[in-house]
C-alpha atoms as a PDB file:
ATOM      1  CA  MET A   1      13.405-117.950  21.400  1.00  0.00           C
ATOM      2  CA  ASN A   2      10.012-116.867  22.801  1.00  0.00           C
ATOM      3  CA  PHE A   3      10.322-114.988  26.041  1.00  0.00           C
ATOM      4  CA  ALA A   4       6.558-114.603  26.488  1.00  0.00           C
ATOM      5  CA  PRO A   5       5.167-118.106  26.356  1.00  0.00           C
ATOM      6  CA  TYR A   6       1.740-117.073  27.600  1.00  0.00           C
ATOM      7  CA  GLN A   7       1.022-114.526  24.850  1.00  0.00           C
ATOM      8  CA  ASP A   8      -0.525-115.750  21.691  1.00  0.00           C
ATOM      9  CA  ASP A   9       0.460-112.860  19.513  1.00  0.00           C
ATOM     10  CA  ALA A  10       3.242-110.304  19.488  1.00  0.00           C
ATOM     11  CA  PRO A  11       2.472-107.011  21.268  1.00  0.00           C
ATOM     12  CA  GLU A  12       2.985-105.066  18.064  1.00  0.00           C
ATOM     13  CA  SER A  13       0.082-106.745  16.327  1.00  0.00           C
ATOM     14  CA  THR A  14      -2.505-105.707  18.955  1.00  0.00           C
ATOM     15  CA  ARG A  15      -1.270-102.116  19.629  1.00  0.00           C
ATOM     16  CA  THR A  16      -3.461 -99.282  18.447  1.00  0.00           C
ATOM     17  CA  PRO A  17      -1.533 -97.075  16.017  1.00  0.00           C
ATOM     18  CA  SER A  18      -1.175 -93.426  16.962  1.00  0.00           C
ATOM     19  CA  PRO A  19      -2.822 -90.883  14.636  1.00  0.00           C
ATOM     20  CA  ARG A  20      -0.672 -89.291  11.978  1.00  0.00           C
ATOM     21  CA  PRO A  21      -0.058 -85.539  12.009  1.00  0.00           C
ATOM     22  CA  THR A  22      -2.401 -83.481   9.841  1.00  0.00           C
ATOM     23  CA  THR A  23       0.458 -81.655   8.094  1.00  0.00           C
ATOM     24  CA  THR A  24       1.735 -83.855   5.371  1.00  0.00           C
ATOM     25  CA  SER A  25       3.872 -81.272   3.595  1.00  0.00           C
ATOM     26  CA  ASN A  26       7.546 -81.408   4.295  1.00  0.00           C
ATOM     27  CA  GLN A  27       8.147 -77.838   3.025  1.00  0.00           C
ATOM     28  CA  PRO A  28       9.438 -75.294   5.550  1.00  0.00           C
ATOM     29  CA  ARG A  29       7.095 -72.668   6.898  1.00  0.00           C
ATOM     30  CA  THR A  30       7.236 -69.187   5.369  1.00  0.00           C
ATOM     31  CA  ALA A  31       6.625 -65.877   7.125  1.00  0.00           C
ATOM     32  CA  SER A  32       3.094 -64.611   6.795  1.00  0.00           C
ATOM     33  CA  LYS A  33       2.518 -61.467   4.758  1.00  0.00           C
ATOM     34  CA  PRO A  34       1.118 -58.398   6.544  1.00  0.00           C
ATOM     35  CA  SER A  35      -2.523 -57.652   5.994  1.00  0.00           C
ATOM     36  CA  PRO A  36      -3.398 -54.924   3.493  1.00  0.00           C
ATOM     37  CA  SER A  37      -4.834 -52.763   6.266  1.00  0.00           C
ATOM     38  CA  THR A  38      -1.469 -52.535   7.980  1.00  0.00           C
ATOM     39  CA  SER A  39       0.290 -49.295   6.945  1.00  0.00           C
ATOM     40  CA  SER A  40       4.027 -49.251   6.412  1.00  0.00           C
ATOM     41  CA  THR A  41       4.165 -45.479   7.034  1.00  0.00           C
ATOM     42  CA  PRO A  42       5.773 -44.622  10.364  1.00  0.00           C
ATOM     43  CA  PHE A  43       3.687 -43.056  13.050  1.00  0.00           C
ATOM     44  CA  TYR A  44       5.493 -39.656  12.786  1.00  0.00           C
ATOM     45  CA  THR A  45       6.407 -38.108   9.464  1.00  0.00           C
ATOM     46  CA  ASP A  46       8.563 -35.011   9.178  1.00  0.00           C
ATOM     47  CA  ASN A  47       6.806 -32.585   6.790  1.00  0.00           C
ATOM     48  CA  THR A  48       8.791 -29.554   7.910  1.00  0.00           C
ATOM     49  CA  THR A  49      10.694 -29.278   4.641  1.00  0.00           C
ATOM     50  CA  ASP A  50       7.520 -29.444   2.558  1.00  0.00           C
ATOM     51  CA  ASP A  51       5.812 -26.838   4.718  1.00  0.00           C
ATOM     52  CA  ILE A  52       8.734 -24.439   4.356  1.00  0.00           C
ATOM     53  CA  GLU A  53       8.723 -24.851   0.591  1.00  0.00           C
ATOM     54  CA  ASP A  54       4.965 -24.266   0.423  1.00  0.00           C
ATOM     55  CA  ASP A  55       5.146 -21.151   2.602  1.00  0.00           C
ATOM     56  CA  ALA A  56       8.121 -19.689   0.767  1.00  0.00           C
ATOM     57  CA  ASP A  57       5.857 -18.273  -1.934  1.00  0.00           C
ATOM     58  CA  PHE A  58       3.847 -16.299   0.629  1.00  0.00           C
ATOM     59  CA  LEU A  59       6.759 -14.698   2.442  1.00  0.00           C
ATOM     60  CA  PRO A  60       7.396 -11.001   1.646  1.00  0.00           C
ATOM     61  CA  ASP A  61      10.314  -9.959  -0.437  1.00  0.00           C
ATOM     62  CA  PRO A  62      13.054  -8.486   1.800  1.00  0.00           C
ATOM     63  CA  THR A  63      13.347  -5.505  -0.512  1.00  0.00           C
ATOM     64  CA  SER A  64       9.739  -4.581   0.298  1.00  0.00           C
ATOM     65  CA  PHE A  65      10.905  -3.197   3.652  1.00  0.00           C
ATOM     66  CA  GLU A  66      13.410  -0.825   2.083  1.00  0.00           C
ATOM     67  CA  ASP A  67      12.730   2.842   2.615  1.00  0.00           C
ATOM     68  CA  ALA A  68      14.779   5.424   0.780  1.00  0.00           C
ATOM     69  CA  GLY A  69      13.946   8.842   2.155  1.00  0.00           C
ATOM     70  CA  GLY A  70      10.318   7.944   2.775  1.00  0.00           C
ATOM     71  CA  ARG A  71       9.758   6.888  -0.840  1.00  0.00           C
ATOM     72  CA  GLY A  72      10.033   3.313  -1.947  1.00  0.00           C
ATOM     73  CA  ARG A  73       8.505  -0.131  -1.752  1.00  0.00           C
ATOM     74  CA  ARG A  74       6.299  -0.798   1.236  1.00  0.00           C
ATOM     75  CA  PHE A  75       5.083  -4.199   2.393  1.00  0.00           C
ATOM     76  CA  LEU A  76       1.283  -4.369   2.202  1.00  0.00           C
ATOM     77  CA  GLY A  77       0.711  -7.735   3.828  1.00  0.00           C
ATOM     78  CA  PHE A  78       0.992 -11.421   3.191  1.00  0.00           C
ATOM     79  CA  GLY A  79      -0.459 -12.758  -0.008  1.00  0.00           C
ATOM     80  CA  ASN A  80       0.965  -9.978  -2.171  1.00  0.00           C
ATOM     81  CA  ARG A  81       3.680 -11.397  -4.373  1.00  0.00           C
ATOM     82  CA  ARG A  82       5.127  -7.978  -5.024  1.00  0.00           C
ATOM     83  CA  ALA A  83       4.939  -4.938  -2.799  1.00  0.00           C
ATOM     84  CA  ALA A  84       3.335  -1.944  -4.404  1.00  0.00           C
ATOM     85  CA  ASN A  85       5.151   1.287  -4.993  1.00  0.00           C
ATOM     86  CA  VAL A  86       3.579   3.679  -2.561  1.00  0.00           C
ATOM     87  CA  ASP A  87       4.505   7.231  -1.944  1.00  0.00           C
ATOM     88  CA  THR A  88       4.751   7.234   1.841  1.00  0.00           C
ATOM     89  CA  ASP A  89       5.936  10.821   2.266  1.00  0.00           C
ATOM     90  CA  VAL A  90       3.698  13.546   0.818  1.00  0.00           C
ATOM     91  CA  ASP A  91       4.883  17.042   1.689  1.00  0.00           C
ATOM     92  CA  LEU A  92       1.956  19.432   1.425  1.00  0.00           C
ATOM     93  CA  PHE A  93       4.284  22.434   1.887  1.00  0.00           C
ATOM     94  CA  ALA A  94       6.642  21.526  -0.960  1.00  0.00           C
ATOM     95  CA  THR A  95       6.926  23.889  -3.930  1.00  0.00           C
ATOM     96  CA  SER A  96       8.344  23.685  -7.425  1.00  0.00           C
ATOM     97  CA  LEU A  97      10.352  26.885  -7.000  1.00  0.00           C
ATOM     98  CA  PRO A  98      13.153  27.321  -4.432  1.00  0.00           C
ATOM     99  CA  ILE A  99      11.004  29.834  -2.549  1.00  0.00           C
ATOM    100  CA  ARG A 100       8.995  29.226   0.613  1.00  0.00           C
ATOM    101  CA  LEU A 101       5.286  28.615   0.204  1.00  0.00           C
ATOM    102  CA  ASP A 102       4.212  31.603   2.303  1.00  0.00           C
ATOM    103  CA  ILE A 103       6.528  33.931   0.379  1.00  0.00           C
ATOM    104  CA  GLN A 104       5.128  32.768  -2.944  1.00  0.00           C
ATOM    105  CA  ALA A 105       1.560  33.287  -1.733  1.00  0.00           C
ATOM    106  CA  LEU A 106       2.527  36.771  -0.555  1.00  0.00           C
ATOM    107  CA  LEU A 107       4.104  37.628  -3.904  1.00  0.00           C
ATOM    108  CA  CYS A 108       0.863  36.822  -5.705  1.00  0.00           C
ATOM    109  CA  TYR A 109      -0.572  40.089  -4.338  1.00  0.00           C
ATOM    110  CA  VAL A 110       2.341  42.440  -3.692  1.00  0.00           C
ATOM    111  CA  ALA A 111       4.456  41.860  -6.808  1.00  0.00           C
ATOM    112  CA  LEU A 112       2.505  43.854  -9.375  1.00  0.00           C
ATOM    113  CA  PRO A 113      -0.805  41.992  -9.562  1.00  0.00           C
ATOM    114  CA  PRO A 114      -2.165  40.431 -11.721  1.00  0.00           C
ATOM    115  CA  VAL A 115       1.197  39.859 -13.457  1.00  0.00           C
ATOM    116  CA  ALA A 116       2.761  38.044 -10.474  1.00  0.00           C
ATOM    117  CA  GLY A 117      -0.194  35.682 -10.221  1.00  0.00           C
ATOM    118  CA  ALA A 118       0.019  34.794 -13.901  1.00  0.00           C
ATOM    119  CA  VAL A 119       3.771  34.138 -13.644  1.00  0.00           C
ATOM    120  CA  LEU A 120       3.343  31.825 -10.650  1.00  0.00           C
ATOM    121  CA  LEU A 121       0.599  29.926 -12.458  1.00  0.00           C
ATOM    122  CA  VAL A 122       3.163  29.114 -15.138  1.00  0.00           C
ATOM    123  CA  LEU A 123       6.107  28.332 -12.841  1.00  0.00           C
ATOM    124  CA  GLU A 124       4.493  26.750  -9.765  1.00  0.00           C
ATOM    125  CA  HIS A 125       2.973  23.312 -10.397  1.00  0.00           C
ATOM    126  CA  ARG A 126       3.292  21.541  -7.055  1.00  0.00           C
ATOM    127  CA  SER A 127       1.580  23.674  -4.398  1.00  0.00           C
ATOM    128  CA  ASP A 128      -2.195  23.971  -4.620  1.00  0.00           C
ATOM    129  CA  TYR A 129      -2.109  26.709  -1.992  1.00  0.00           C
ATOM    130  CA  VAL A 130       0.113  28.934  -4.100  1.00  0.00           C
ATOM    131  CA  ARG A 131      -1.842  28.179  -7.254  1.00  0.00           C
ATOM    132  CA  PHE A 132      -5.093  29.131  -5.514  1.00  0.00           C
ATOM    133  CA  HIS A 133      -3.753  32.564  -4.574  1.00  0.00           C
ATOM    134  CA  ALA A 134      -2.239  32.949  -8.034  1.00  0.00           C
ATOM    135  CA  TRP A 135      -5.634  32.268  -9.615  1.00  0.00           C
ATOM    136  CA  GLN A 136      -7.438  34.561  -7.186  1.00  0.00           C
ATOM    137  CA  SER A 137      -4.955  37.390  -7.700  1.00  0.00           C
ATOM    138  CA  SER A 138      -5.065  37.057 -11.482  1.00  0.00           C
ATOM    139  CA  LEU A 139      -8.854  37.004 -11.711  1.00  0.00           C
ATOM    140  CA  LEU A 140      -9.508  39.688  -9.085  1.00  0.00           C
ATOM    141  CA  PHE A 141      -7.019  42.272 -10.257  1.00  0.00           C
ATOM    142  CA  THR A 142      -7.775  41.657 -13.918  1.00  0.00           C
ATOM    143  CA  PHE A 143     -11.370  42.509 -13.116  1.00  0.00           C
ATOM    144  CA  LEU A 144     -10.290  45.619 -11.184  1.00  0.00           C
ATOM    145  CA  PHE A 145      -8.030  46.683 -14.042  1.00  0.00           C
ATOM    146  CA  LEU A 146     -11.016  46.598 -16.391  1.00  0.00           C
ATOM    147  CA  ILE A 147     -12.971  48.714 -13.904  1.00  0.00           C
ATOM    148  CA  HIS A 148     -10.117  51.253 -13.883  1.00  0.00           C
ATOM    149  CA  LEU A 149     -10.281  51.486 -17.657  1.00  0.00           C
ATOM    150  CA  ILE A 150     -14.012  51.998 -17.650  1.00  0.00           C
ATOM    151  CA  PHE A 151     -13.896  54.827 -15.081  1.00  0.00           C
ATOM    152  CA  SER A 152     -10.631  56.357 -16.204  1.00  0.00           C
ATOM    153  CA  PHE A 153     -12.441  59.527 -17.263  1.00  0.00           C
ATOM    154  CA  SER A 154     -13.112  60.380 -13.595  1.00  0.00           C
ATOM    155  CA  LYS A 155     -10.167  61.165 -11.350  1.00  0.00           C
ATOM    156  CA  PHE A 156     -12.215  60.778  -8.214  1.00  0.00           C
ATOM    157  CA  ILE A 157     -13.357  57.261  -9.134  1.00  0.00           C
ATOM    158  CA  SER A 158      -9.868  56.337 -10.281  1.00  0.00           C
ATOM    159  CA  TYR A 159      -8.315  57.414  -6.965  1.00  0.00           C
ATOM    160  CA  SER A 160     -11.070  55.707  -5.029  1.00  0.00           C
ATOM    161  CA  LEU A 161     -10.423  52.493  -6.925  1.00  0.00           C
ATOM    162  CA  LEU A 162      -6.699  52.848  -6.247  1.00  0.00           C
ATOM    163  CA  ILE A 163      -7.362  52.990  -2.508  1.00  0.00           C
ATOM    164  CA  VAL A 164      -9.547  49.901  -2.799  1.00  0.00           C
ATOM    165  CA  ASP A 165      -6.740  48.165  -4.677  1.00  0.00           C
ATOM    166  CA  LEU A 166      -4.204  48.951  -1.953  1.00  0.00           C
ATOM    167  CA  LEU A 167      -6.515  47.802   0.813  1.00  0.00           C
ATOM    168  CA  LEU A 168      -7.250  44.539  -1.018  1.00  0.00           C
ATOM    169  CA  ILE A 169      -3.556  43.939  -1.668  1.00  0.00           C
ATOM    170  CA  THR A 170      -2.677  44.480   1.997  1.00  0.00           C
ATOM    171  CA  PHE A 171      -5.546  42.388   3.340  1.00  0.00           C
ATOM    172  CA  LEU A 172      -5.132  39.470   0.934  1.00  0.00           C
ATOM    173  CA  ALA A 173      -1.327  39.423   1.231  1.00  0.00           C
ATOM    174  CA  PHE A 174      -1.608  39.286   5.029  1.00  0.00           C
ATOM    175  CA  HIS A 175      -4.002  36.314   4.930  1.00  0.00           C
ATOM    176  CA  ALA A 176      -1.996  34.520   2.253  1.00  0.00           C
ATOM    177  CA  TYR A 177       1.165  34.779   4.352  1.00  0.00           C
ATOM    178  CA  ARG A 178      -0.420  33.971   7.724  1.00  0.00           C
ATOM    179  CA  ASP A 179      -2.704  31.129   6.588  1.00  0.00           C
ATOM    180  CA  ALA A 180       0.185  29.306   4.892  1.00  0.00           C
ATOM    181  CA  GLN A 181       0.832  27.525   8.206  1.00  0.00           C
ATOM    182  CA  THR A 182      -2.565  25.791   8.019  1.00  0.00           C
ATOM    183  CA  LEU A 183      -3.094  25.967   4.218  1.00  0.00           C
ATOM    184  CA  LYS A 184      -6.454  27.631   4.816  1.00  0.00           C
ATOM    185  CA  ARG A 185      -7.776  29.434   1.755  1.00  0.00           C
ATOM    186  CA  TRP A 186      -9.279  32.866   2.319  1.00  0.00           C
ATOM    187  CA  GLU A 187     -11.688  33.312  -0.589  1.00  0.00           C
ATOM    188  CA  VAL A 188     -12.912  36.571  -2.058  1.00  0.00           C
ATOM    189  CA  PRO A 189     -16.665  36.272  -2.746  1.00  0.00           C
ATOM    190  CA  TRP A 190     -17.397  34.562  -6.067  1.00  0.00           C
ATOM    191  CA  ILE A 191     -13.842  34.929  -7.431  1.00  0.00           C
ATOM    192  CA  GLY A 192     -12.328  32.899  -4.578  1.00  0.00           C
ATOM    193  CA  ARG A 193     -14.758  30.040  -5.110  1.00  0.00           C
ATOM    194  CA  LEU A 194     -14.038  30.081  -8.832  1.00  0.00           C
ATOM    195  CA  SER A 195     -10.296  29.974  -8.122  1.00  0.00           C
ATOM    196  CA  SER A 196     -10.714  26.973  -5.810  1.00  0.00           C
ATOM    197  CA  SER A 197     -12.676  25.120  -8.469  1.00  0.00           C
ATOM    198  CA  PHE A 198      -9.864  25.706 -10.988  1.00  0.00           C
ATOM    199  CA  VAL A 199      -7.261  24.332  -8.566  1.00  0.00           C
ATOM    200  CA  ASP A 200      -9.356  21.314  -7.546  1.00  0.00           C
ATOM    201  CA  GLU A 201      -9.992  20.343 -11.167  1.00  0.00           C
ATOM    202  CA  GLU A 202      -6.293  20.402 -12.074  1.00  0.00           C
END
């Protein structure tokens, strides 16, 4: 039965078809991949562990701070893998013999010179002050002993030389004992300078 007697054709034959969608694929959409410029590294990275491991090589050895009686290993600063052995306590008044420095210097002149000076040169190796007076006593009184032998024929000259010997012994022993507090060397002309050169070259 025709319910539209006044229409020549059916409405479907004159209707303009709607455009088809441009996507013809029936496959589901996939997630887009991130661009190569996008970094997957988080904004904050914890490098504390790596920094500690890198700095561990530059930290001083705990044993470098040990100090046994002033002598031992001393830390010299960062960058040194091993602390150097440094003698941090140098006692200028120390002696090889169990006798005080001033007493040894005194004995160089009062204990039968030049024998006492020669003995201390053999036994004392640590104190330059004592060795200086030992050298000076040995050289000076050896020279005076030769003078005594040369003028032994004259009693007057021999006694005069004996007085000179006693005065020199008293004067030099006094300075050797007193100047031990400052380690100042009182030098006899020419012989004292020669004695200092012997000690400084040792």
